[in-house]
């Protein structure tokens, strides 16, 4: 394995953006009834997993996956609220904050490999 580097974080950030786009496309596909968002979902998730795979060359799997999923949860919650007019309340904000704290804690407590 290579030592953690900036490339790992670039790959991870891009993986998160593609995952966010893939999940947004999933919502827009309306249960696979819309062709373009359905096809885009598979392409975007494929890109996300590929980039996550590259990130794992540089970043520990537990840290990378926690950040990928945790940041994805936070961002898709915001997209849901802003784009799809889904609910967002104080209880949800508290739990999202705990996810963020957990991701930060995992990163701070991990060692580079």
PDB file of N, CA and C in Angstrom:
ATOM      1  N   UNK A   1       0.830  -1.196   0.000  1.00  0.00           N
ATOM      2  CA  UNK A   1       0.000   0.000   0.000  1.00  0.00           C
ATOM      3  C   UNK A   1       0.868   1.251   0.000  1.00  0.00           C
ATOM      4  N   UNK A   2       0.368   2.271  -0.622  1.00  0.00           N
ATOM      5  CA  UNK A   2       1.071   3.541  -0.668  1.00  0.00           C
ATOM      6  C   UNK A   2       0.733   4.355   0.570  1.00  0.00           C
ATOM      7  N   UNK A   3       1.575   5.310   0.857  1.00  0.00           N
ATOM      8  CA  UNK A   3       1.328   6.213   1.972  1.00  0.00           C
ATOM      9  C   UNK A   3       0.209   7.176   1.584  1.00  0.00           C
ATOM     10  N   UNK A   4      -0.590   7.546   2.565  1.00  0.00           N
ATOM     11  CA  UNK A   4      -1.688   8.485   2.324  1.00  0.00           C
ATOM     12  C   UNK A   4      -1.164   9.739   1.636  1.00  0.00           C
ATOM     13  N   UNK A   5      -1.847  10.167   0.612  1.00  0.00           N
ATOM     14  CA  UNK A   5      -1.416  11.365  -0.108  1.00  0.00           C
ATOM     15  C   UNK A   5      -2.630  12.174  -0.527  1.00  0.00           C
ATOM     16  N   UNK A   6      -2.346  13.316  -1.124  1.00  0.00           N
ATOM     17  CA  UNK A   6      -3.411  14.178  -1.598  1.00  0.00           C
ATOM     18  C   UNK A   6      -4.280  13.528  -2.650  1.00  0.00           C
ATOM     19  N   UNK A   7      -3.683  12.622  -3.448  1.00  0.00           N
ATOM     20  CA  UNK A   7      -4.459  11.960  -4.490  1.00  0.00           C
ATOM     21  C   UNK A   7      -5.605  11.146  -3.912  1.00  0.00           C
ATOM     22  N   UNK A   8      -5.373  10.520  -2.790  1.00  0.00           N
ATOM     23  CA  UNK A   8      -6.438   9.743  -2.157  1.00  0.00           C
ATOM     24  C   UNK A   8      -7.638  10.611  -1.824  1.00  0.00           C
ATOM     25  N   UNK A   9      -7.366  11.802  -1.346  1.00  0.00           N
ATOM     26  CA  UNK A   9      -8.453  12.717  -0.970  1.00  0.00           C
ATOM     27  C   UNK A   9      -9.150  13.280  -2.199  1.00  0.00           C
ATOM     28  N   UNK A  10      -8.396  13.502  -3.271  1.00  0.00           N
ATOM     29  CA  UNK A  10      -9.015  13.952  -4.528  1.00  0.00           C
ATOM     30  C   UNK A  10      -9.950  12.862  -5.046  1.00  0.00           C
ATOM     31  N   UNK A  11      -9.462  11.622  -5.092  1.00  0.00           N
ATOM     32  CA  UNK A  11     -10.298  10.509  -5.543  1.00  0.00           C
ATOM     33  C   UNK A  11     -11.537  10.367  -4.661  1.00  0.00           C
ATOM     34  N   UNK A  12     -11.353  10.492  -3.353  1.00  0.00           N
ATOM     35  CA  UNK A  12     -12.476  10.346  -2.431  1.00  0.00           C
ATOM     36  C   UNK A  12     -13.504  11.461  -2.626  1.00  0.00           C
ATOM     37  N   UNK A  13     -13.046  12.684  -2.770  1.00  0.00           N
ATOM     38  CA  UNK A  13     -13.972  13.811  -2.988  1.00  0.00           C
ATOM     39  C   UNK A  13     -14.774  13.615  -4.271  1.00  0.00           C
ATOM     40  N   UNK A  14     -14.099  13.183  -5.328  1.00  0.00           N
ATOM     41  CA  UNK A  14     -14.808  12.928  -6.582  1.00  0.00           C
ATOM     42  C   UNK A  14     -15.782  11.763  -6.440  1.00  0.00           C
ATOM     43  N   UNK A  15     -15.376  10.726  -5.713  1.00  0.00           N
ATOM     44  CA  UNK A  15     -16.268   9.581  -5.476  1.00  0.00           C
ATOM     45  C   UNK A  15     -17.532  10.032  -4.755  1.00  0.00           C
ATOM     46  N   UNK A  16     -17.382  10.933  -3.807  1.00  0.00           N
ATOM     47  CA  UNK A  16     -18.537  11.452  -3.062  1.00  0.00           C
ATOM     48  C   UNK A  16     -19.465  12.236  -3.994  1.00  0.00           C
ATOM     49  N   UNK A  17     -18.889  13.070  -4.837  1.00  0.00           N
ATOM     50  CA  UNK A  17     -19.715  13.856  -5.768  1.00  0.00           C
ATOM     51  C   UNK A  17     -20.459  12.964  -6.754  1.00  0.00           C
ATOM     52  N   UNK A  18     -19.791  11.923  -7.255  1.00  0.00           N
ATOM     53  CA  UNK A  18     -20.472  10.993  -8.166  1.00  0.00           C
ATOM     54  C   UNK A  18     -21.549  10.189  -7.433  1.00  0.00           C
ATOM     55  N   UNK A  19     -21.284   9.825  -6.177  1.00  0.00           N
ATOM     56  CA  UNK A  19     -22.294   9.095  -5.393  1.00  0.00           C
ATOM     57  C   UNK A  19     -23.512   9.984  -5.158  1.00  0.00           C
ATOM     58  N   UNK A  20     -23.266  11.236  -4.825  1.00  0.00           N
ATOM     59  CA  UNK A  20     -24.362  12.193  -4.631  1.00  0.00           C
ATOM     60  C   UNK A  20     -25.181  12.339  -5.917  1.00  0.00           C
ATOM     61  N   UNK A  21     -24.510  12.454  -7.037  1.00  0.00           N
ATOM     62  CA  UNK A  21     -25.195  12.568  -8.325  1.00  0.00           C
ATOM     63  C   UNK A  21     -25.964  11.292  -8.656  1.00  0.00           C
ATOM     64  N   UNK A  22     -25.368  10.138  -8.346  1.00  0.00           N
ATOM     65  CA  UNK A  22     -26.040   8.862  -8.593  1.00  0.00           C
ATOM     66  C   UNK A  22     -27.299   8.711  -7.756  1.00  0.00           C
ATOM     67  N   UNK A  23     -27.217   9.117  -6.497  1.00  0.00           N
ATOM     68  CA  UNK A  23     -28.387   9.018  -5.624  1.00  0.00           C
ATOM     69  C   UNK A  23     -29.471  10.003  -6.054  1.00  0.00           C
ATOM     70  N   UNK A  24     -29.071  11.181  -6.481  1.00  0.00           N
ATOM     71  CA  UNK A  24     -30.035  12.154  -7.004  1.00  0.00           C
ATOM     72  C   UNK A  24     -30.712  11.599  -8.260  1.00  0.00           C
ATOM     73  N   UNK A  25     -29.916  10.964  -9.127  1.00  0.00           N
ATOM     74  CA  UNK A  25     -30.491  10.340 -10.330  1.00  0.00           C
ATOM     75  C   UNK A  25     -31.449   9.218  -9.967  1.00  0.00           C
ATOM     76  N   UNK A  26     -31.124   8.477  -8.897  1.00  0.00           N
ATOM     77  CA  UNK A  26     -32.020   7.412  -8.445  1.00  0.00           C
ATOM     78  C   UNK A  26     -33.382   7.986  -8.086  1.00  0.00           C
ATOM     79  N   UNK A  27     -33.372   9.086  -7.359  1.00  0.00           N
ATOM     80  CA  UNK A  27     -34.639   9.728  -6.982  1.00  0.00           C
ATOM     81  C   UNK A  27     -35.373  10.216  -8.234  1.00  0.00           C
ATOM     82  N   UNK A  28     -34.635  10.810  -9.159  1.00  0.00           N
ATOM     83  CA  UNK A  28     -35.244  11.331 -10.383  1.00  0.00           C
ATOM     84  C   UNK A  28     -35.754  10.222 -11.308  1.00  0.00           C
ATOM     85  N   UNK A  29     -35.225   9.001 -11.155  1.00  0.00           N
ATOM     86  CA  UNK A  29     -35.646   7.893 -12.018  1.00  0.00           C
ATOM     87  C   UNK A  29     -37.064   7.418 -11.706  1.00  0.00           C
ATOM     88  N   UNK A  30     -37.577   7.813 -10.546  1.00  0.00           N
ATOM     89  CA  UNK A  30     -38.934   7.449 -10.123  1.00  0.00           C
ATOM     90  C   UNK A  30     -39.177   5.948 -10.260  1.00  0.00           C
ATOM     91  N   UNK A  31     -38.303   5.181  -9.595  1.00  0.00           N
ATOM     92  CA  UNK A  31     -38.468   3.727  -9.595  1.00  0.00           C
ATOM     93  C   UNK A  31     -38.186   3.100 -10.946  1.00  0.00           C
ATOM     94  N   UNK A  32     -37.179   3.616 -11.635  1.00  0.00           N
ATOM     95  CA  UNK A  32     -36.780   3.134 -12.973  1.00  0.00           C
ATOM     96  C   UNK A  32     -37.842   3.394 -14.043  1.00  0.00           C
ATOM     97  N   UNK A  33     -38.725   4.352 -13.818  1.00  0.00           N
ATOM     98  CA  UNK A  33     -39.724   4.673 -14.840  1.00  0.00           C
ATOM     99  C   UNK A  33     -39.235   5.765 -15.793  1.00  0.00           C
ATOM    100  N   UNK A  34     -38.162   6.439 -15.445  1.00  0.00           N
ATOM    101  CA  UNK A  34     -37.570   7.475 -16.300  1.00  0.00           C
ATOM    102  C   UNK A  34     -36.223   6.942 -16.801  1.00  0.00           C
ATOM    103  N   UNK A  35     -36.085   6.817 -18.115  1.00  0.00           N
ATOM    104  CA  UNK A  35     -34.919   6.160 -18.704  1.00  0.00           C
ATOM    105  C   UNK A  35     -33.603   6.889 -18.423  1.00  0.00           C
ATOM    106  N   UNK A  36     -33.522   8.173 -18.748  1.00  0.00           N
ATOM    107  CA  UNK A  36     -32.256   8.887 -18.622  1.00  0.00           C
ATOM    108  C   UNK A  36     -31.722   8.894 -17.188  1.00  0.00           C
ATOM    109  N   UNK A  37     -32.526   9.276 -16.196  1.00  0.00           N
ATOM    110  CA  UNK A  37     -31.988   9.225 -14.826  1.00  0.00           C
ATOM    111  C   UNK A  37     -31.626   7.804 -14.385  1.00  0.00           C
ATOM    112  N   UNK A  38     -32.346   6.810 -14.884  1.00  0.00           N
ATOM    113  CA  UNK A  38     -32.042   5.415 -14.535  1.00  0.00           C
ATOM    114  C   UNK A  38     -30.678   5.010 -15.077  1.00  0.00           C
ATOM    115  N   UNK A  39     -30.420   5.332 -16.323  1.00  0.00           N
ATOM    116  CA  UNK A  39     -29.126   5.006 -16.934  1.00  0.00           C
ATOM    117  C   UNK A  39     -28.010   5.805 -16.261  1.00  0.00           C
ATOM    118  N   UNK A  40     -28.257   7.092 -16.040  1.00  0.00           N
ATOM    119  CA  UNK A  40     -27.263   7.934 -15.371  1.00  0.00           C
ATOM    120  C   UNK A  40     -26.915   7.408 -13.982  1.00  0.00           C
ATOM    121  N   UNK A  41     -27.900   6.895 -13.266  1.00  0.00           N
ATOM    122  CA  UNK A  41     -27.653   6.364 -11.931  1.00  0.00           C
ATOM    123  C   UNK A  41     -26.576   5.291 -11.969  1.00  0.00           C
ATOM    124  N   UNK A  42     -26.698   4.335 -12.898  1.00  0.00           N
ATOM    125  CA  UNK A  42     -25.711   3.252 -12.990  1.00  0.00           C
ATOM    126  C   UNK A  42     -24.331   3.773 -13.383  1.00  0.00           C
ATOM    127  N   UNK A  43     -24.304   4.702 -14.312  1.00  0.00           N
ATOM    128  CA  UNK A  43     -23.021   5.262 -14.748  1.00  0.00           C
ATOM    129  C   UNK A  43     -22.360   6.025 -13.603  1.00  0.00           C
ATOM    130  N   UNK A  44     -23.135   6.858 -12.926  1.00  0.00           N
ATOM    131  CA  UNK A  44     -22.588   7.674 -11.842  1.00  0.00           C
ATOM    132  C   UNK A  44     -22.137   6.827 -10.664  1.00  0.00           C
ATOM    133  N   UNK A  45     -22.909   5.800 -10.310  1.00  0.00           N
ATOM    134  CA  UNK A  45     -22.472   4.901  -9.241  1.00  0.00           C
ATOM    135  C   UNK A  45     -21.215   4.133  -9.653  1.00  0.00           C
ATOM    136  N   UNK A  46     -21.142   3.729 -10.918  1.00  0.00           N
ATOM    137  CA  UNK A  46     -19.941   3.055 -11.404  1.00  0.00           C
ATOM    138  C   UNK A  46     -18.714   3.943 -11.267  1.00  0.00           C
ATOM    139  N   UNK A  47     -18.856   5.198 -11.631  1.00  0.00           N
ATOM    140  CA  UNK A  47     -17.753   6.162 -11.474  1.00  0.00           C
ATOM    141  C   UNK A  47     -17.396   6.340 -10.003  1.00  0.00           C
ATOM    142  N   UNK A  48     -18.412   6.425  -9.161  1.00  0.00           N
ATOM    143  CA  UNK A  48     -18.174   6.610  -7.737  1.00  0.00           C
ATOM    144  C   UNK A  48     -17.396   5.446  -7.141  1.00  0.00           C
ATOM    145  N   UNK A  49     -17.830   4.227  -7.436  1.00  0.00           N
ATOM    146  CA  UNK A  49     -17.138   3.059  -6.886  1.00  0.00           C
ATOM    147  C   UNK A  49     -15.725   2.927  -7.450  1.00  0.00           C
ATOM    148  N   UNK A  50     -15.533   3.290  -8.692  1.00  0.00           N
ATOM    149  CA  UNK A  50     -14.199   3.246  -9.288  1.00  0.00           C
ATOM    150  C   UNK A  50     -13.275   4.236  -8.582  1.00  0.00           C
ATOM    151  N   UNK A  51     -13.753   5.453  -8.384  1.00  0.00           N
ATOM    152  CA  UNK A  51     -12.952   6.461  -7.692  1.00  0.00           C
ATOM    153  C   UNK A  51     -12.714   6.090  -6.229  1.00  0.00           C
ATOM    154  N   UNK A  52     -13.720   5.499  -5.585  1.00  0.00           N
ATOM    155  CA  UNK A  52     -13.532   5.039  -4.211  1.00  0.00           C
ATOM    156  C   UNK A  52     -12.454   3.957  -4.171  1.00  0.00           C
ATOM    157  N   UNK A  53     -12.456   3.078  -5.151  1.00  0.00           N
ATOM    158  CA  UNK A  53     -11.434   2.041  -5.243  1.00  0.00           C
ATOM    159  C   UNK A  53     -10.032   2.653  -5.345  1.00  0.00           C
ATOM    160  N   UNK A  54      -9.889   3.688  -6.178  1.00  0.00           N
ATOM    161  CA  UNK A  54      -8.600   4.374  -6.293  1.00  0.00           C
ATOM    162  C   UNK A  54      -8.219   5.051  -4.975  1.00  0.00           C
ATOM    163  N   UNK A  55      -9.195   5.637  -4.299  1.00  0.00           N
ATOM    164  CA  UNK A  55      -8.925   6.287  -3.012  1.00  0.00           C
ATOM    165  C   UNK A  55      -8.394   5.286  -1.992  1.00  0.00           C
ATOM    166  N   UNK A  56      -8.883   4.053  -2.060  1.00  0.00           N
ATOM    167  CA  UNK A  56      -8.457   3.029  -1.099  1.00  0.00           C
ATOM    168  C   UNK A  56      -6.999   2.634  -1.272  1.00  0.00           C
ATOM    169  N   UNK A  57      -6.401   3.025  -2.382  1.00  0.00           N
ATOM    170  CA  UNK A  57      -4.974   2.806  -2.567  1.00  0.00           C
ATOM    171  C   UNK A  57      -4.171   3.686  -1.608  1.00  0.00           C
ATOM    172  N   UNK A  58      -4.750   4.799  -1.199  1.00  0.00           N
ATOM    173  CA  UNK A  58      -4.053   5.787  -0.382  1.00  0.00           C
ATOM    174  C   UNK A  58      -4.615   5.945   1.031  1.00  0.00           C
ATOM    175  N   UNK A  59      -5.877   5.594   1.233  1.00  0.00           N
ATOM    176  CA  UNK A  59      -6.562   5.866   2.501  1.00  0.00           C
ATOM    177  C   UNK A  59      -7.083   4.553   3.069  1.00  0.00           C
ATOM    178  N   UNK A  60      -7.004   4.410   4.386  1.00  0.00           N
ATOM    179  CA  UNK A  60      -7.532   3.211   5.032  1.00  0.00           C
ATOM    180  C   UNK A  60      -9.001   3.023   4.685  1.00  0.00           C
ATOM    181  N   UNK A  61      -9.405   1.767   4.492  1.00  0.00           N
ATOM    182  CA  UNK A  61     -10.761   1.469   4.038  1.00  0.00           C
ATOM    183  C   UNK A  61     -11.817   1.978   5.025  1.00  0.00           C
ATOM    184  N   UNK A  62     -11.593   1.812   6.319  1.00  0.00           N
ATOM    185  CA  UNK A  62     -12.579   2.260   7.299  1.00  0.00           C
ATOM    186  C   UNK A  62     -12.774   3.761   7.277  1.00  0.00           C
ATOM    187  N   UNK A  63     -11.689   4.481   7.134  1.00  0.00           N
ATOM    188  CA  UNK A  63     -11.757   5.942   7.080  1.00  0.00           C
ATOM    189  C   UNK A  63     -12.406   6.392   5.775  1.00  0.00           C
ATOM    190  N   UNK A  64     -11.934   5.848   4.652  1.00  0.00           N
ATOM    191  CA  UNK A  64     -12.469   6.261   3.352  1.00  0.00           C
ATOM    192  C   UNK A  64     -13.959   5.968   3.250  1.00  0.00           C
ATOM    193  N   UNK A  65     -14.363   4.766   3.670  1.00  0.00           N
ATOM    194  CA  UNK A  65     -15.768   4.400   3.545  1.00  0.00           C
ATOM    195  C   UNK A  65     -16.643   5.232   4.482  1.00  0.00           C
ATOM    196  N   UNK A  66     -16.144   5.486   5.690  1.00  0.00           N
ATOM    197  CA  UNK A  66     -16.915   6.315   6.629  1.00  0.00           C
ATOM    198  C   UNK A  66     -17.102   7.726   6.084  1.00  0.00           C
ATOM    199  N   UNK A  67     -16.054   8.276   5.507  1.00  0.00           N
ATOM    200  CA  UNK A  67     -16.161   9.619   4.946  1.00  0.00           C
ATOM    201  C   UNK A  67     -17.065   9.608   3.719  1.00  0.00           C
ATOM    202  N   UNK A  68     -16.874   8.617   2.841  1.00  0.00           N
ATOM    203  CA  UNK A  68     -17.696   8.512   1.621  1.00  0.00           C
ATOM    204  C   UNK A  68     -19.184   8.415   1.978  1.00  0.00           C
ATOM    205  N   UNK A  69     -19.502   7.526   2.902  1.00  0.00           N
ATOM    206  CA  UNK A  69     -20.915   7.344   3.245  1.00  0.00           C
ATOM    207  C   UNK A  69     -21.441   8.480   4.123  1.00  0.00           C
ATOM    208  N   UNK A  70     -20.642   8.931   5.083  1.00  0.00           N
ATOM    209  CA  UNK A  70     -21.094   9.987   5.996  1.00  0.00           C
ATOM    210  C   UNK A  70     -21.318  11.312   5.295  1.00  0.00           C
ATOM    211  N   UNK A  71     -20.352  11.716   4.489  1.00  0.00           N
ATOM    212  CA  UNK A  71     -20.510  12.971   3.743  1.00  0.00           C
ATOM    213  C   UNK A  71     -21.639  12.826   2.727  1.00  0.00           C
ATOM    214  N   UNK A  72     -21.748  11.639   2.120  1.00  0.00           N
ATOM    215  CA  UNK A  72     -22.851  11.391   1.198  1.00  0.00           C
ATOM    216  C   UNK A  72     -24.206  11.539   1.866  1.00  0.00           C
ATOM    217  N   UNK A  73     -24.319  11.024   3.091  1.00  0.00           N
ATOM    218  CA  UNK A  73     -25.581  11.152   3.840  1.00  0.00           C
ATOM    219  C   UNK A  73     -25.917  12.620   4.076  1.00  0.00           C
ATOM    220  N   UNK A  74     -24.929  13.371   4.514  1.00  0.00           N
ATOM    221  CA  UNK A  74     -25.153  14.797   4.790  1.00  0.00           C
ATOM    222  C   UNK A  74     -25.565  15.531   3.512  1.00  0.00           C
ATOM    223  N   UNK A  75     -24.825  15.308   2.436  1.00  0.00           N
ATOM    224  CA  UNK A  75     -25.114  16.025   1.194  1.00  0.00           C
ATOM    225  C   UNK A  75     -26.453  15.625   0.582  1.00  0.00           C
ATOM    226  N   UNK A  76     -26.772  14.329   0.599  1.00  0.00           N
ATOM    227  CA  UNK A  76     -28.047  13.921  -0.012  1.00  0.00           C
ATOM    228  C   UNK A  76     -29.223  14.389   0.844  1.00  0.00           C
ATOM    229  N   UNK A  77     -29.014  14.536   2.138  1.00  0.00           N
ATOM    230  CA  UNK A  77     -30.058  15.110   2.988  1.00  0.00           C
ATOM    231  C   UNK A  77     -30.320  16.560   2.583  1.00  0.00           C
ATOM    232  N   UNK A  78     -29.251  17.302   2.323  1.00  0.00           N
ATOM    233  CA  UNK A  78     -29.408  18.689   1.878  1.00  0.00           C
ATOM    234  C   UNK A  78     -30.065  18.756   0.500  1.00  0.00           C
ATOM    235  N   UNK A  79     -29.656  17.881  -0.411  1.00  0.00           N
ATOM    236  CA  UNK A  79     -30.279  17.838  -1.737  1.00  0.00           C
ATOM    237  C   UNK A  79     -31.758  17.500  -1.614  1.00  0.00           C
ATOM    238  N   UNK A  80     -32.077  16.528  -0.782  1.00  0.00           N
ATOM    239  CA  UNK A  80     -33.475  16.155  -0.573  1.00  0.00           C
ATOM    240  C   UNK A  80     -34.306  17.330  -0.081  1.00  0.00           C
ATOM    241  N   UNK A  81     -33.748  18.065   0.859  1.00  0.00           N
ATOM    242  CA  UNK A  81     -34.452  19.209   1.417  1.00  0.00           C
ATOM    243  C   UNK A  81     -34.589  20.343   0.380  1.00  0.00           C
ATOM    244  N   UNK A  82     -33.474  20.679  -0.279  1.00  0.00           N
ATOM    245  CA  UNK A  82     -33.465  21.832  -1.178  1.00  0.00           C
ATOM    246  C   UNK A  82     -34.092  21.545  -2.545  1.00  0.00           C
ATOM    247  N   UNK A  83     -33.804  20.381  -3.112  1.00  0.00           N
ATOM    248  CA  UNK A  83     -34.266  20.086  -4.467  1.00  0.00           C
ATOM    249  C   UNK A  83     -35.621  19.386  -4.489  1.00  0.00           C
ATOM    250  N   UNK A  84     -35.807  18.448  -3.570  1.00  0.00           N
ATOM    251  CA  UNK A  84     -37.028  17.640  -3.587  1.00  0.00           C
ATOM    252  C   UNK A  84     -38.039  18.053  -2.520  1.00  0.00           C
ATOM    253  N   UNK A  85     -37.733  19.108  -1.775  1.00  0.00           N
ATOM    254  CA  UNK A  85     -38.647  19.658  -0.761  1.00  0.00           C
ATOM    255  C   UNK A  85     -39.016  18.614   0.299  1.00  0.00           C
ATOM    256  N   UNK A  86     -38.048  17.750   0.651  1.00  0.00           N
ATOM    257  CA  UNK A  86     -38.283  16.749   1.693  1.00  0.00           C
ATOM    258  C   UNK A  86     -38.142  17.400   3.062  1.00  0.00           C
ATOM    259  N   UNK A  87     -38.649  16.739   4.059  1.00  0.00           N
ATOM    260  CA  UNK A  87     -38.631  17.313   5.404  1.00  0.00           C
ATOM    261  C   UNK A  87     -37.216  17.326   5.979  1.00  0.00           C
ATOM    262  N   UNK A  88     -36.987  18.263   6.879  1.00  0.00           N
ATOM    263  CA  UNK A  88     -35.743  18.325   7.644  1.00  0.00           C
ATOM    264  C   UNK A  88     -36.067  19.034   8.947  1.00  0.00           C
ATOM    265  N   UNK A  89     -35.850  18.337  10.051  1.00  0.00           N
ATOM    266  CA  UNK A  89     -36.195  18.923  11.336  1.00  0.00           C
ATOM    267  C   UNK A  89     -35.010  18.866  12.294  1.00  0.00           C
ATOM    268  N   UNK A  90     -35.203  19.381  13.492  1.00  0.00           N
ATOM    269  CA  UNK A  90     -34.125  19.472  14.471  1.00  0.00           C
ATOM    270  C   UNK A  90     -33.592  18.096  14.860  1.00  0.00           C
ATOM    271  N   UNK A  91     -34.453  17.110  15.006  1.00  0.00           N
ATOM    272  CA  UNK A  91     -33.979  15.757  15.327  1.00  0.00           C
ATOM    273  C   UNK A  91     -33.056  15.230  14.244  1.00  0.00           C
ATOM    274  N   UNK A  92     -33.433  15.427  12.991  1.00  0.00           N
ATOM    275  CA  UNK A  92     -32.577  14.980  11.895  1.00  0.00           C
ATOM    276  C   UNK A  92     -31.245  15.728  11.902  1.00  0.00           C
ATOM    277  N   UNK A  93     -31.289  17.017  12.189  1.00  0.00           N
ATOM    278  CA  UNK A  93     -30.064  17.819  12.244  1.00  0.00           C
ATOM    279  C   UNK A  93     -29.124  17.292  13.328  1.00  0.00           C
ATOM    280  N   UNK A  94     -29.675  16.904  14.461  1.00  0.00           N
ATOM    281  CA  UNK A  94     -28.855  16.364  15.548  1.00  0.00           C
ATOM    282  C   UNK A  94     -28.178  15.067  15.112  1.00  0.00           C
ATOM    283  N   UNK A  95     -28.934  14.159  14.496  1.00  0.00           N
ATOM    284  CA  UNK A  95     -28.354  12.883  14.062  1.00  0.00           C
ATOM    285  C   UNK A  95     -27.327  13.083  12.953  1.00  0.00           C
ATOM    286  N   UNK A  96     -27.575  14.001  12.046  1.00  0.00           N
ATOM    287  CA  UNK A  96     -26.599  14.318  10.995  1.00  0.00           C
ATOM    288  C   UNK A  96     -25.317  14.860  11.627  1.00  0.00           C
ATOM    289  N   UNK A  97     -25.466  15.706  12.632  1.00  0.00           N
ATOM    290  CA  UNK A  97     -24.301  16.248  13.333  1.00  0.00           C
ATOM    291  C   UNK A  97     -23.490  15.131  13.981  1.00  0.00           C
ATOM    292  N   UNK A  98     -24.165  14.162  14.555  1.00  0.00           N
ATOM    293  CA  UNK A  98     -23.457  13.029  15.152  1.00  0.00           C
ATOM    294  C   UNK A  98     -22.707  12.209  14.106  1.00  0.00           C
ATOM    295  N   UNK A  99     -23.285  12.073  12.924  1.00  0.00           N
ATOM    296  CA  UNK A  99     -22.582  11.380  11.834  1.00  0.00           C
ATOM    297  C   UNK A  99     -21.303  12.135  11.492  1.00  0.00           C
ATOM    298  N   UNK A 100     -21.400  13.439  11.354  1.00  0.00           N
ATOM    299  CA  UNK A 100     -20.235  14.263  11.020  1.00  0.00           C
ATOM    300  C   UNK A 100     -19.168  14.140  12.108  1.00  0.00           C
ATOM    301  N   UNK A 101     -19.580  14.204  13.361  1.00  0.00           N
ATOM    302  CA  UNK A 101     -18.634  14.063  14.471  1.00  0.00           C
ATOM    303  C   UNK A 101     -17.959  12.695  14.423  1.00  0.00           C
ATOM    304  N   UNK A 102     -18.720  11.664  14.132  1.00  0.00           N
ATOM    305  CA  UNK A 102     -18.161  10.320  14.040  1.00  0.00           C
ATOM    306  C   UNK A 102     -17.148  10.185  12.924  1.00  0.00           C
ATOM    307  N   UNK A 103     -17.440  10.755  11.773  1.00  0.00           N
ATOM    308  CA  UNK A 103     -16.516  10.702  10.637  1.00  0.00           C
ATOM    309  C   UNK A 103     -15.228  11.453  10.981  1.00  0.00           C
ATOM    310  N   UNK A 104     -15.366  12.618  11.568  1.00  0.00           N
ATOM    311  CA  UNK A 104     -14.182  13.396  11.958  1.00  0.00           C
ATOM    312  C   UNK A 104     -13.373  12.631  12.997  1.00  0.00           C
ATOM    313  N   UNK A 105     -14.052  12.062  13.980  1.00  0.00           N
ATOM    314  CA  UNK A 105     -13.366  11.276  15.020  1.00  0.00           C
ATOM    315  C   UNK A 105     -12.621  10.092  14.449  1.00  0.00           C
ATOM    316  N   UNK A 106     -13.218   9.419  13.512  1.00  0.00           N
ATOM    317  CA  UNK A 106     -12.563   8.260  12.893  1.00  0.00           C
ATOM    318  C   UNK A 106     -11.311   8.701  12.139  1.00  0.00           C
ATOM    319  N   UNK A 107     -11.408   9.787  11.415  1.00  0.00           N
ATOM    320  CA  UNK A 107     -10.250  10.295  10.665  1.00  0.00           C
ATOM    321  C   UNK A 107      -9.139  10.716  11.616  1.00  0.00           C
ATOM    322  N   UNK A 108      -9.479  11.450  12.659  1.00  0.00           N
ATOM    323  CA  UNK A 108      -8.473  11.957  13.596  1.00  0.00           C
ATOM    324  C   UNK A 108      -7.778  10.803  14.315  1.00  0.00           C
ATOM    325  N   UNK A 109      -8.519   9.756  14.615  1.00  0.00           N
ATOM    326  CA  UNK A 109      -7.948   8.648  15.392  1.00  0.00           C
ATOM    327  C   UNK A 109      -7.261   7.581  14.536  1.00  0.00           C
ATOM    328  N   UNK A 110      -7.328   7.713  13.214  1.00  0.00           N
ATOM    329  CA  UNK A 110      -6.704   6.695  12.343  1.00  0.00           C
ATOM    330  C   UNK A 110      -5.249   7.031  12.066  1.00  0.00           C
ATOM    331  N   UNK A 111      -4.528   6.018  11.646  1.00  0.00           N
ATOM    332  CA  UNK A 111      -3.120   6.201  11.264  1.00  0.00           C
ATOM    333  C   UNK A 111      -3.024   6.106   9.755  1.00  0.00           C
ATOM    334  N   UNK A 112      -2.099   6.860   9.166  1.00  0.00           N
ATOM    335  CA  UNK A 112      -1.812   6.700   7.731  1.00  0.00           C
ATOM    336  C   UNK A 112      -1.142   5.351   7.539  1.00  0.00           C
ATOM    337  N   UNK A 113      -1.406   4.720   6.395  1.00  0.00           N
ATOM    338  CA  UNK A 113      -0.746   3.431   6.131  1.00  0.00           C
ATOM    339  C   UNK A 113       0.120   3.504   4.912  1.00  0.00           C
TER     340      UNK A 113
END
